Amino acid sequence: MRIEVILSPAAGGPKVIVPLHYNKALQGLLYHQLRTAFPKVHEGGWESSGRVFRMFVFSRLMGRIEKIQDKEIHFQAPVRFFVASPNSEVIEVLADGFLKTAVIRLGDAMLELEKLSVCKTPDLTGGQVLCRAMSPVTVYSTVKTADGRKKTYYYHPQEAEFAQLVENNLRKKAQALEIPDVDQRPICLQSARVQAKDQKVVFYGRTVVKGWLGRFHLSGDPTMLKLALNAGIGAKNSQGFGMLQLIK
C-alpha cells in the first residue's frame, strides 16, 4: 500500500526550507506518527535470520528547487513525497496521523497537510515491471581491510553482487512477513539504465550512505514484485532508500 503526501508551509509562505540531507528528519516525522499507534514498527519490526525490517520505505522530497544554500534546500511550496509498506496498517496509521496533525514539523519547517492520496495498486500479474528509483538504492557489504579495519563497500548496479544481494534481501523480507514458499518464488533484478550522475551520497546523521537512482527491471513472482514496490529494495529502506515507482 502506498500514499502520496503533499505539504505546504503552515504559515502560508511560498517556501519550504529543509536540511540538505533530510532523510533522518523525514524518517523522524514518520516515526512520530507511528510511535504511539503502531509501536512495533519503531521498537521491534519484523525479524528474519537475525535481521530486523521496519517494513516501510519513503521517497525523496519532490518539488521545484529554488536554491541550495548553507546546507539547506529551498523548495517552492508545496513539497510532496511517497511512503509505502507491505503492511496496510502501517500506512493507515500514517495517513490517520497526517490527517489529524494540524502542524507537521520537518526539520525546522512548520508545515501542514495540503493533500493525501492513496495510490492505485498496479497489476503485476504479467511478472515483469520497469521501475525508476524514487530514492537511492543502496547495497553494501562490510569487509576487512589489510590492516584489520572494517570498511563498508557499496556495490555498483553493474556488479553481480548488487542484484544478488537485492534478491536475497527481498527473500528475507518475505520470510519475515511469513509469505509461504519463498524459495519457490522467482525474483530477478536487472539494471535498465543507471548513469554516473545517478550515484547519490547521503549523510544520515553522521553516517555516509551511497546509493543509486536510475531505472531497474524486475521480473518474477507477482507477490515478490509487490513486496519490492511496497517494502523497497536493497538496504536502509526505512531511512529513505530503495523506493521504486512503476513505469510500466
C-alpha atoms as a PDB file:
ATOM      1  CA  MET A   1       0.000   0.000   0.000  1.00  0.00           C
ATOM      2  CA  ARG A   2       1.268   3.451  -0.923  1.00  0.00           C
ATOM      3  CA  ILE A   3       0.267   7.048  -0.247  1.00  0.00           C
ATOM      4  CA  GLU A   4       1.321  10.426  -1.595  1.00  0.00           C
ATOM      5  CA  VAL A   5       1.690  13.239   0.946  1.00  0.00           C
ATOM      6  CA  ILE A   6       1.696  16.894  -0.156  1.00  0.00           C
ATOM      7  CA  LEU A   7       2.800  19.520   2.384  1.00  0.00           C
ATOM      8  CA  SER A   8       2.706  23.318   2.410  1.00  0.00           C
ATOM      9  CA  PRO A   9       4.033  25.910   4.910  1.00  0.00           C
ATOM     10  CA  ALA A  10       1.714  26.206   7.904  1.00  0.00           C
ATOM     11  CA  ALA A  11       2.084  29.994   7.840  1.00  0.00           C
ATOM     12  CA  GLY A  12       1.137  30.138   4.175  1.00  0.00           C
ATOM     13  CA  GLY A  13       4.586  31.153   2.934  1.00  0.00           C
ATOM     14  CA  PRO A  14       5.980  30.457  -0.542  1.00  0.00           C
ATOM     15  CA  LYS A  15       8.921  28.253   0.508  1.00  0.00           C
ATOM     16  CA  VAL A  16       9.704  25.007   2.267  1.00  0.00           C
ATOM     17  CA  ILE A  17      13.250  25.005   3.652  1.00  0.00           C
ATOM     18  CA  VAL A  18      14.703  21.699   4.837  1.00  0.00           C
ATOM     19  CA  PRO A  19      18.206  20.380   5.599  1.00  0.00           C
ATOM     20  CA  LEU A  20      20.209  19.330   2.549  1.00  0.00           C
ATOM     21  CA  HIS A  21      20.414  15.828   3.999  1.00  0.00           C
ATOM     22  CA  TYR A  22      16.867  15.468   5.307  1.00  0.00           C
ATOM     23  CA  ASN A  23      16.424  11.672   5.409  1.00  0.00           C
ATOM     24  CA  LYS A  24      16.738  11.442   9.181  1.00  0.00           C
ATOM     25  CA  ALA A  25      14.292  14.318   9.703  1.00  0.00           C
ATOM     26  CA  LEU A  26      11.738  12.764   7.350  1.00  0.00           C
ATOM     27  CA  GLN A  27      12.141   9.363   8.968  1.00  0.00           C
ATOM     28  CA  GLY A  28      11.646  11.017  12.359  1.00  0.00           C
ATOM     29  CA  LEU A  29       8.411  12.569  11.152  1.00  0.00           C
ATOM     30  CA  LEU A  30       7.109   9.138  10.107  1.00  0.00           C
ATOM     31  CA  TYR A  31       8.209   7.505  13.367  1.00  0.00           C
ATOM     32  CA  HIS A  32       6.447  10.283  15.272  1.00  0.00           C
ATOM     33  CA  GLN A  33       3.179   9.283  13.600  1.00  0.00           C
ATOM     34  CA  LEU A  34       3.781   5.569  14.243  1.00  0.00           C
ATOM     35  CA  ARG A  35       5.286   5.582  17.726  1.00  0.00           C
ATOM     36  CA  THR A  36       2.049   5.545  19.729  1.00  0.00           C
ATOM     37  CA  ALA A  37      -0.424   3.913  17.354  1.00  0.00           C
ATOM     38  CA  PHE A  38       1.898   1.230  15.945  1.00  0.00           C
ATOM     39  CA  PRO A  39       4.929   0.904  18.268  1.00  0.00           C
ATOM     40  CA  LYS A  40       6.026  -2.412  16.722  1.00  0.00           C
ATOM     41  CA  VAL A  41       7.493  -0.600  13.726  1.00  0.00           C
ATOM     42  CA  HIS A  42       9.654   1.682  15.844  1.00  0.00           C
ATOM     43  CA  GLU A  43      10.559  -0.703  18.650  1.00  0.00           C
ATOM     44  CA  GLY A  44      10.770  -4.129  17.050  1.00  0.00           C
ATOM     45  CA  GLY A  45       9.866  -4.504  13.410  1.00  0.00           C
ATOM     46  CA  TRP A  46       9.739  -7.854  11.621  1.00  0.00           C
ATOM     47  CA  GLU A  47      12.651 -10.285  12.012  1.00  0.00           C
ATOM     48  CA  SER A  48      14.196 -12.889   9.714  1.00  0.00           C
ATOM     49  CA  SER A  49      17.573 -14.634  10.008  1.00  0.00           C
ATOM     50  CA  GLY A  50      18.751 -12.164  12.619  1.00  0.00           C
ATOM     51  CA  ARG A  51      17.766  -9.158  10.501  1.00  0.00           C
ATOM     52  CA  VAL A  52      15.088  -6.676  11.566  1.00  0.00           C
ATOM     53  CA  PHE A  53      12.953  -4.950   8.939  1.00  0.00           C
ATOM     54  CA  ARG A  54      10.777  -1.918   9.703  1.00  0.00           C
ATOM     55  CA  MET A  55       8.738  -2.676   6.567  1.00  0.00           C
ATOM     56  CA  PHE A  56       8.235   0.787   5.204  1.00  0.00           C
ATOM     57  CA  VAL A  57      10.048   2.910   2.636  1.00  0.00           C
ATOM     58  CA  PHE A  58       9.798   6.518   1.545  1.00  0.00           C
ATOM     59  CA  SER A  59      10.851   8.609  -1.420  1.00  0.00           C
ATOM     60  CA  ARG A  60      12.924  11.724  -1.702  1.00  0.00           C
ATOM     61  CA  LEU A  61      11.145  15.046  -1.347  1.00  0.00           C
ATOM     62  CA  MET A  62       9.823  16.289  -4.658  1.00  0.00           C
ATOM     63  CA  GLY A  63       9.135  19.847  -5.704  1.00  0.00           C
ATOM     64  CA  ARG A  64      10.653  22.781  -7.506  1.00  0.00           C
ATOM     65  CA  ILE A  65      14.049  23.584  -6.004  1.00  0.00           C
ATOM     66  CA  GLU A  66      14.699  27.313  -5.862  1.00  0.00           C
ATOM     67  CA  LYS A  67      18.232  27.051  -4.485  1.00  0.00           C
ATOM     68  CA  ILE A  68      20.589  25.077  -2.287  1.00  0.00           C
ATOM     69  CA  GLN A  69      22.369  27.280   0.225  1.00  0.00           C
ATOM     70  CA  ASP A  70      24.019  26.928   3.638  1.00  0.00           C
ATOM     71  CA  LYS A  71      23.359  23.162   3.719  1.00  0.00           C
ATOM     72  CA  GLU A  72      19.647  23.704   3.128  1.00  0.00           C
ATOM     73  CA  ILE A  73      17.293  23.074   0.209  1.00  0.00           C
ATOM     74  CA  HIS A  74      14.813  25.834  -0.587  1.00  0.00           C
ATOM     75  CA  PHE A  75      11.744  24.358  -2.281  1.00  0.00           C
ATOM     76  CA  GLN A  76       8.974  26.411  -3.762  1.00  0.00           C
ATOM     77  CA  ALA A  77       5.866  25.225  -1.953  1.00  0.00           C
ATOM     78  CA  PRO A  78       4.393  22.670  -1.906  1.00  0.00           C
ATOM     79  CA  VAL A  79       6.595  19.585  -1.494  1.00  0.00           C
ATOM     80  CA  ARG A  80       5.490  16.006  -1.791  1.00  0.00           C
ATOM     81  CA  PHE A  81       6.761  12.540  -1.033  1.00  0.00           C
ATOM     82  CA  PHE A  82       5.558   8.946  -1.126  1.00  0.00           C
ATOM     83  CA  VAL A  83       5.595   6.300   1.579  1.00  0.00           C
ATOM     84  CA  ALA A  84       4.767   2.618   1.180  1.00  0.00           C
ATOM     85  CA  SER A  85       4.551  -0.548   3.245  1.00  0.00           C
ATOM     86  CA  PRO A  86       3.548  -4.178   2.654  1.00  0.00           C
ATOM     87  CA  ASN A  87       1.580  -3.882   5.898  1.00  0.00           C
ATOM     88  CA  SER A  88      -1.569  -1.850   5.194  1.00  0.00           C
ATOM     89  CA  GLU A  89      -1.992  -0.983   8.878  1.00  0.00           C
ATOM     90  CA  VAL A  90       1.321   0.928   8.826  1.00  0.00           C
ATOM     91  CA  ILE A  91       0.040   3.131   6.005  1.00  0.00           C
ATOM     92  CA  GLU A  92      -3.387   3.537   7.591  1.00  0.00           C
ATOM     93  CA  VAL A  93      -1.797   4.716  10.846  1.00  0.00           C
ATOM     94  CA  LEU A  94       0.465   7.149   8.980  1.00  0.00           C
ATOM     95  CA  ALA A  95      -2.430   8.523   6.929  1.00  0.00           C
ATOM     96  CA  ASP A  96      -4.570   8.967  10.029  1.00  0.00           C
ATOM     97  CA  GLY A  97      -1.699  10.725  11.802  1.00  0.00           C
ATOM     98  CA  PHE A  98      -1.148  13.183   8.965  1.00  0.00           C
ATOM     99  CA  LEU A  99      -4.865  13.908   8.671  1.00  0.00           C
ATOM    100  CA  LYS A 100      -5.162  14.646  12.391  1.00  0.00           C
ATOM    101  CA  THR A 101      -1.955  16.699  12.825  1.00  0.00           C
ATOM    102  CA  ALA A 102      -2.506  20.429  12.493  1.00  0.00           C
ATOM    103  CA  VAL A 103       1.168  21.392  12.241  1.00  0.00           C
ATOM    104  CA  ILE A 104       3.721  18.953  10.832  1.00  0.00           C
ATOM    105  CA  ARG A 105       7.356  19.602  11.678  1.00  0.00           C
ATOM    106  CA  LEU A 106      10.072  18.579   9.223  1.00  0.00           C
ATOM    107  CA  GLY A 107      13.441  19.731  10.490  1.00  0.00           C
ATOM    108  CA  ASP A 108      12.765  23.374  11.376  1.00  0.00           C
ATOM    109  CA  ALA A 109       9.991  23.735   8.802  1.00  0.00           C
ATOM    110  CA  MET A 110       6.447  24.029  10.102  1.00  0.00           C
ATOM    111  CA  LEU A 111       4.112  22.509   7.549  1.00  0.00           C
ATOM    112  CA  GLU A 112       0.513  21.456   7.094  1.00  0.00           C
ATOM    113  CA  LEU A 113      -1.119  18.754   5.046  1.00  0.00           C
ATOM    114  CA  GLU A 114      -2.360  20.029   1.703  1.00  0.00           C
ATOM    115  CA  LYS A 115      -3.390  16.685   0.240  1.00  0.00           C
ATOM    116  CA  LEU A 116      -3.114  12.969   0.953  1.00  0.00           C
ATOM    117  CA  SER A 117      -3.854  10.382  -1.731  1.00  0.00           C
ATOM    118  CA  VAL A 118      -3.904   6.586  -1.756  1.00  0.00           C
ATOM    119  CA  CYS A 119      -2.088   5.299  -4.837  1.00  0.00           C
ATOM    120  CA  LYS A 120      -3.684   2.768  -7.133  1.00  0.00           C
ATOM    121  CA  THR A 121      -2.479  -0.820  -6.754  1.00  0.00           C
ATOM    122  CA  PRO A 122      -0.728  -1.852 -10.004  1.00  0.00           C
ATOM    123  CA  ASP A 123      -1.423  -5.044 -11.918  1.00  0.00           C
ATOM    124  CA  LEU A 124       1.664  -7.223 -11.542  1.00  0.00           C
ATOM    125  CA  THR A 125       0.294 -10.479 -12.941  1.00  0.00           C
ATOM    126  CA  GLY A 126       2.489 -10.130 -16.042  1.00  0.00           C
ATOM    127  CA  GLY A 127       5.535 -10.862 -13.904  1.00  0.00           C
ATOM    128  CA  GLN A 128       7.698  -8.088 -15.342  1.00  0.00           C
ATOM    129  CA  VAL A 129       7.991  -4.401 -14.422  1.00  0.00           C
ATOM    130  CA  LEU A 130      10.200  -1.460 -15.286  1.00  0.00           C
ATOM    131  CA  CYS A 131      10.750   0.908 -12.362  1.00  0.00           C
ATOM    132  CA  ARG A 132      12.640   4.050 -11.525  1.00  0.00           C
ATOM    133  CA  ALA A 133      14.197   4.676  -8.150  1.00  0.00           C
ATOM    134  CA  MET A 134      12.366   7.343  -6.140  1.00  0.00           C
ATOM    135  CA  SER A 135      15.107   7.245  -3.528  1.00  0.00           C
ATOM    136  CA  PRO A 136      18.653   5.884  -3.943  1.00  0.00           C
ATOM    137  CA  VAL A 137      19.041   2.103  -3.859  1.00  0.00           C
ATOM    138  CA  THR A 138      21.899   1.156  -1.559  1.00  0.00           C
ATOM    139  CA  VAL A 139      23.539  -2.273  -1.471  1.00  0.00           C
ATOM    140  CA  TYR A 140      26.689  -2.928   0.550  1.00  0.00           C
ATOM    141  CA  SER A 141      28.875  -5.379   2.405  1.00  0.00           C
ATOM    142  CA  THR A 142      31.163  -4.880   5.372  1.00  0.00           C
ATOM    143  CA  VAL A 143      34.698  -6.054   4.561  1.00  0.00           C
ATOM    144  CA  LYS A 144      38.024  -6.081   6.390  1.00  0.00           C
ATOM    145  CA  THR A 145      40.984  -4.111   5.110  1.00  0.00           C
ATOM    146  CA  ALA A 146      44.545  -5.454   5.081  1.00  0.00           C
ATOM    147  CA  ASP A 147      45.208  -3.876   8.483  1.00  0.00           C
ATOM    148  CA  GLY A 148      42.108  -5.494  10.030  1.00  0.00           C
ATOM    149  CA  ARG A 149      39.805  -2.486   9.994  1.00  0.00           C
ATOM    150  CA  LYS A 150      36.171  -2.786   8.927  1.00  0.00           C
ATOM    151  CA  LYS A 151      35.100  -0.952   5.804  1.00  0.00           C
ATOM    152  CA  THR A 152      31.738  -0.574   4.079  1.00  0.00           C
ATOM    153  CA  TYR A 153      31.838  -1.399   0.386  1.00  0.00           C
ATOM    154  CA  TYR A 154      28.921  -0.056  -1.685  1.00  0.00           C
ATOM    155  CA  TYR A 155      28.149  -2.008  -4.839  1.00  0.00           C
ATOM    156  CA  HIS A 156      27.571  -0.513  -8.279  1.00  0.00           C
ATOM    157  CA  PRO A 157      24.379  -1.692 -10.042  1.00  0.00           C
ATOM    158  CA  GLN A 158      26.526  -3.276 -12.767  1.00  0.00           C
ATOM    159  CA  GLU A 159      28.272  -5.565 -10.272  1.00  0.00           C
ATOM    160  CA  ALA A 160      26.713  -9.031  -9.989  1.00  0.00           C
ATOM    161  CA  GLU A 161      26.596  -8.772  -6.200  1.00  0.00           C
ATOM    162  CA  PHE A 162      24.215  -5.803  -6.424  1.00  0.00           C
ATOM    163  CA  ALA A 163      21.365  -7.825  -7.935  1.00  0.00           C
ATOM    164  CA  GLN A 164      22.112 -10.915  -5.874  1.00  0.00           C
ATOM    165  CA  LEU A 165      22.027  -9.023  -2.582  1.00  0.00           C
ATOM    166  CA  VAL A 166      18.796  -7.251  -3.575  1.00  0.00           C
ATOM    167  CA  GLU A 167      17.185 -10.601  -4.352  1.00  0.00           C
ATOM    168  CA  ASN A 168      18.426 -12.174  -1.089  1.00  0.00           C
ATOM    169  CA  ASN A 169      17.173  -9.175   0.864  1.00  0.00           C
ATOM    170  CA  LEU A 170      13.703  -9.467  -0.683  1.00  0.00           C
ATOM    171  CA  ARG A 171      13.511 -13.132   0.281  1.00  0.00           C
ATOM    172  CA  LYS A 172      14.403 -12.305   3.877  1.00  0.00           C
ATOM    173  CA  LYS A 173      11.661  -9.671   3.943  1.00  0.00           C
ATOM    174  CA  ALA A 174       9.209 -12.220   2.563  1.00  0.00           C
ATOM    175  CA  GLN A 175      10.223 -14.696   5.256  1.00  0.00           C
ATOM    176  CA  ALA A 176       9.809 -12.052   7.954  1.00  0.00           C
ATOM    177  CA  LEU A 177       6.273 -11.432   6.691  1.00  0.00           C
ATOM    178  CA  GLU A 178       5.633 -15.203   6.642  1.00  0.00           C
ATOM    179  CA  ILE A 179       4.932 -15.298   2.913  1.00  0.00           C
ATOM    180  CA  PRO A 180       4.740 -19.035   2.078  1.00  0.00           C
ATOM    181  CA  ASP A 181       7.044 -20.911  -0.298  1.00  0.00           C
ATOM    182  CA  VAL A 182       9.562 -18.082  -0.514  1.00  0.00           C
ATOM    183  CA  ASP A 183      12.280 -20.263  -2.046  1.00  0.00           C
ATOM    184  CA  GLN A 184       9.950 -21.266  -4.886  1.00  0.00           C
ATOM    185  CA  ARG A 185       9.086 -17.684  -5.816  1.00  0.00           C
ATOM    186  CA  PRO A 186      11.449 -16.359  -8.529  1.00  0.00           C
ATOM    187  CA  ILE A 187      12.659 -12.764  -8.440  1.00  0.00           C
ATOM    188  CA  CYS A 188      15.310 -11.173 -10.643  1.00  0.00           C
ATOM    189  CA  LEU A 189      16.688  -7.625 -10.769  1.00  0.00           C
ATOM    190  CA  GLN A 190      18.488  -6.077 -13.731  1.00  0.00           C
ATOM    191  CA  SER A 191      19.842  -2.581 -14.118  1.00  0.00           C
ATOM    192  CA  ALA A 192      17.977  -0.981 -17.045  1.00  0.00           C
ATOM    193  CA  ARG A 193      19.587   2.453 -17.105  1.00  0.00           C
ATOM    194  CA  VAL A 194      21.946   3.786 -14.471  1.00  0.00           C
ATOM    195  CA  GLN A 195      24.343   6.640 -15.231  1.00  0.00           C
ATOM    196  CA  ALA A 196      27.231   8.156 -13.291  1.00  0.00           C
ATOM    197  CA  LYS A 197      25.048  11.132 -12.297  1.00  0.00           C
ATOM    198  CA  ASP A 198      22.614   8.712 -10.640  1.00  0.00           C
ATOM    199  CA  GLN A 199      25.027   7.982  -7.799  1.00  0.00           C
ATOM    200  CA  LYS A 200      23.929   9.868  -4.680  1.00  0.00           C
ATOM    201  CA  VAL A 201      25.861  10.363  -1.448  1.00  0.00           C
ATOM    202  CA  VAL A 202      23.596  10.982   1.525  1.00  0.00           C
ATOM    203  CA  PHE A 203      24.505  11.858   5.092  1.00  0.00           C
ATOM    204  CA  TYR A 204      22.183  10.084   7.506  1.00  0.00           C
ATOM    205  CA  GLY A 205      23.230  11.760  10.731  1.00  0.00           C
ATOM    206  CA  ARG A 206      26.999  11.209  10.711  1.00  0.00           C
ATOM    207  CA  THR A 207      26.815   8.131   8.501  1.00  0.00           C
ATOM    208  CA  VAL A 208      27.642   8.415   4.810  1.00  0.00           C
ATOM    209  CA  VAL A 209      25.397   6.268   2.595  1.00  0.00           C
ATOM    210  CA  LYS A 210      25.964   5.768  -1.129  1.00  0.00           C
ATOM    211  CA  GLY A 211      23.095   4.747  -3.397  1.00  0.00           C
ATOM    212  CA  TRP A 212      21.851   4.814  -6.955  1.00  0.00           C
ATOM    213  CA  LEU A 213      18.890   6.303  -8.747  1.00  0.00           C
ATOM    214  CA  GLY A 214      18.114   5.186 -12.304  1.00  0.00           C
ATOM    215  CA  ARG A 215      15.886   2.518 -13.809  1.00  0.00           C
ATOM    216  CA  PHE A 216      15.624  -1.129 -12.848  1.00  0.00           C
ATOM    217  CA  HIS A 217      13.857  -4.086 -14.407  1.00  0.00           C
ATOM    218  CA  LEU A 218      12.263  -6.641 -12.082  1.00  0.00           C
ATOM    219  CA  SER A 219      10.816  -9.964 -13.118  1.00  0.00           C
ATOM    220  CA  GLY A 220       9.398 -12.924 -11.257  1.00  0.00           C
ATOM    221  CA  ASP A 221       6.600 -13.902  -8.930  1.00  0.00           C
ATOM    222  CA  PRO A 222       3.886 -11.199  -8.617  1.00  0.00           C
ATOM    223  CA  THR A 223       3.927 -11.451  -4.809  1.00  0.00           C
ATOM    224  CA  MET A 224       7.654 -10.715  -4.761  1.00  0.00           C
ATOM    225  CA  LEU A 225       7.219  -7.845  -7.211  1.00  0.00           C
ATOM    226  CA  LYS A 226       4.531  -6.368  -4.975  1.00  0.00           C
ATOM    227  CA  LEU A 227       6.850  -6.715  -1.980  1.00  0.00           C
ATOM    228  CA  ALA A 228       9.640  -4.888  -3.838  1.00  0.00           C
ATOM    229  CA  LEU A 229       7.321  -1.961  -4.604  1.00  0.00           C
ATOM    230  CA  ASN A 230       5.843  -1.762  -1.109  1.00  0.00           C
ATOM    231  CA  ALA A 231       8.874  -2.515   1.074  1.00  0.00           C
ATOM    232  CA  GLY A 232      11.656  -1.141  -1.120  1.00  0.00           C
ATOM    233  CA  ILE A 233      14.751  -2.901  -2.429  1.00  0.00           C
ATOM    234  CA  GLY A 234      18.246  -3.008  -1.031  1.00  0.00           C
ATOM    235  CA  ALA A 235      19.152  -1.834   2.458  1.00  0.00           C
ATOM    236  CA  LYS A 236      18.083   1.010   4.773  1.00  0.00           C
ATOM    237  CA  ASN A 237      14.561   1.312   3.340  1.00  0.00           C
ATOM    238  CA  SER A 238      13.116   2.885   6.488  1.00  0.00           C
ATOM    239  CA  GLN A 239      15.880   5.518   6.300  1.00  0.00           C
ATOM    240  CA  GLY A 240      14.646   6.609   2.886  1.00  0.00           C
ATOM    241  CA  PHE A 241      16.483   4.322   0.462  1.00  0.00           C
ATOM    242  CA  GLY A 242      15.329   1.940  -2.245  1.00  0.00           C
ATOM    243  CA  MET A 243      11.804   3.091  -3.072  1.00  0.00           C
ATOM    244  CA  LEU A 244      10.659   2.240  -6.599  1.00  0.00           C
ATOM    245  CA  GLN A 245       7.996   3.704  -8.844  1.00  0.00           C
ATOM    246  CA  LEU A 246       6.411   1.602 -11.549  1.00  0.00           C
ATOM    247  CA  ILE A 247       6.973   2.929 -15.069  1.00  0.00           C
ATOM    248  CA  LYS A 248       5.378   0.024 -16.911  1.00  0.00           C
END
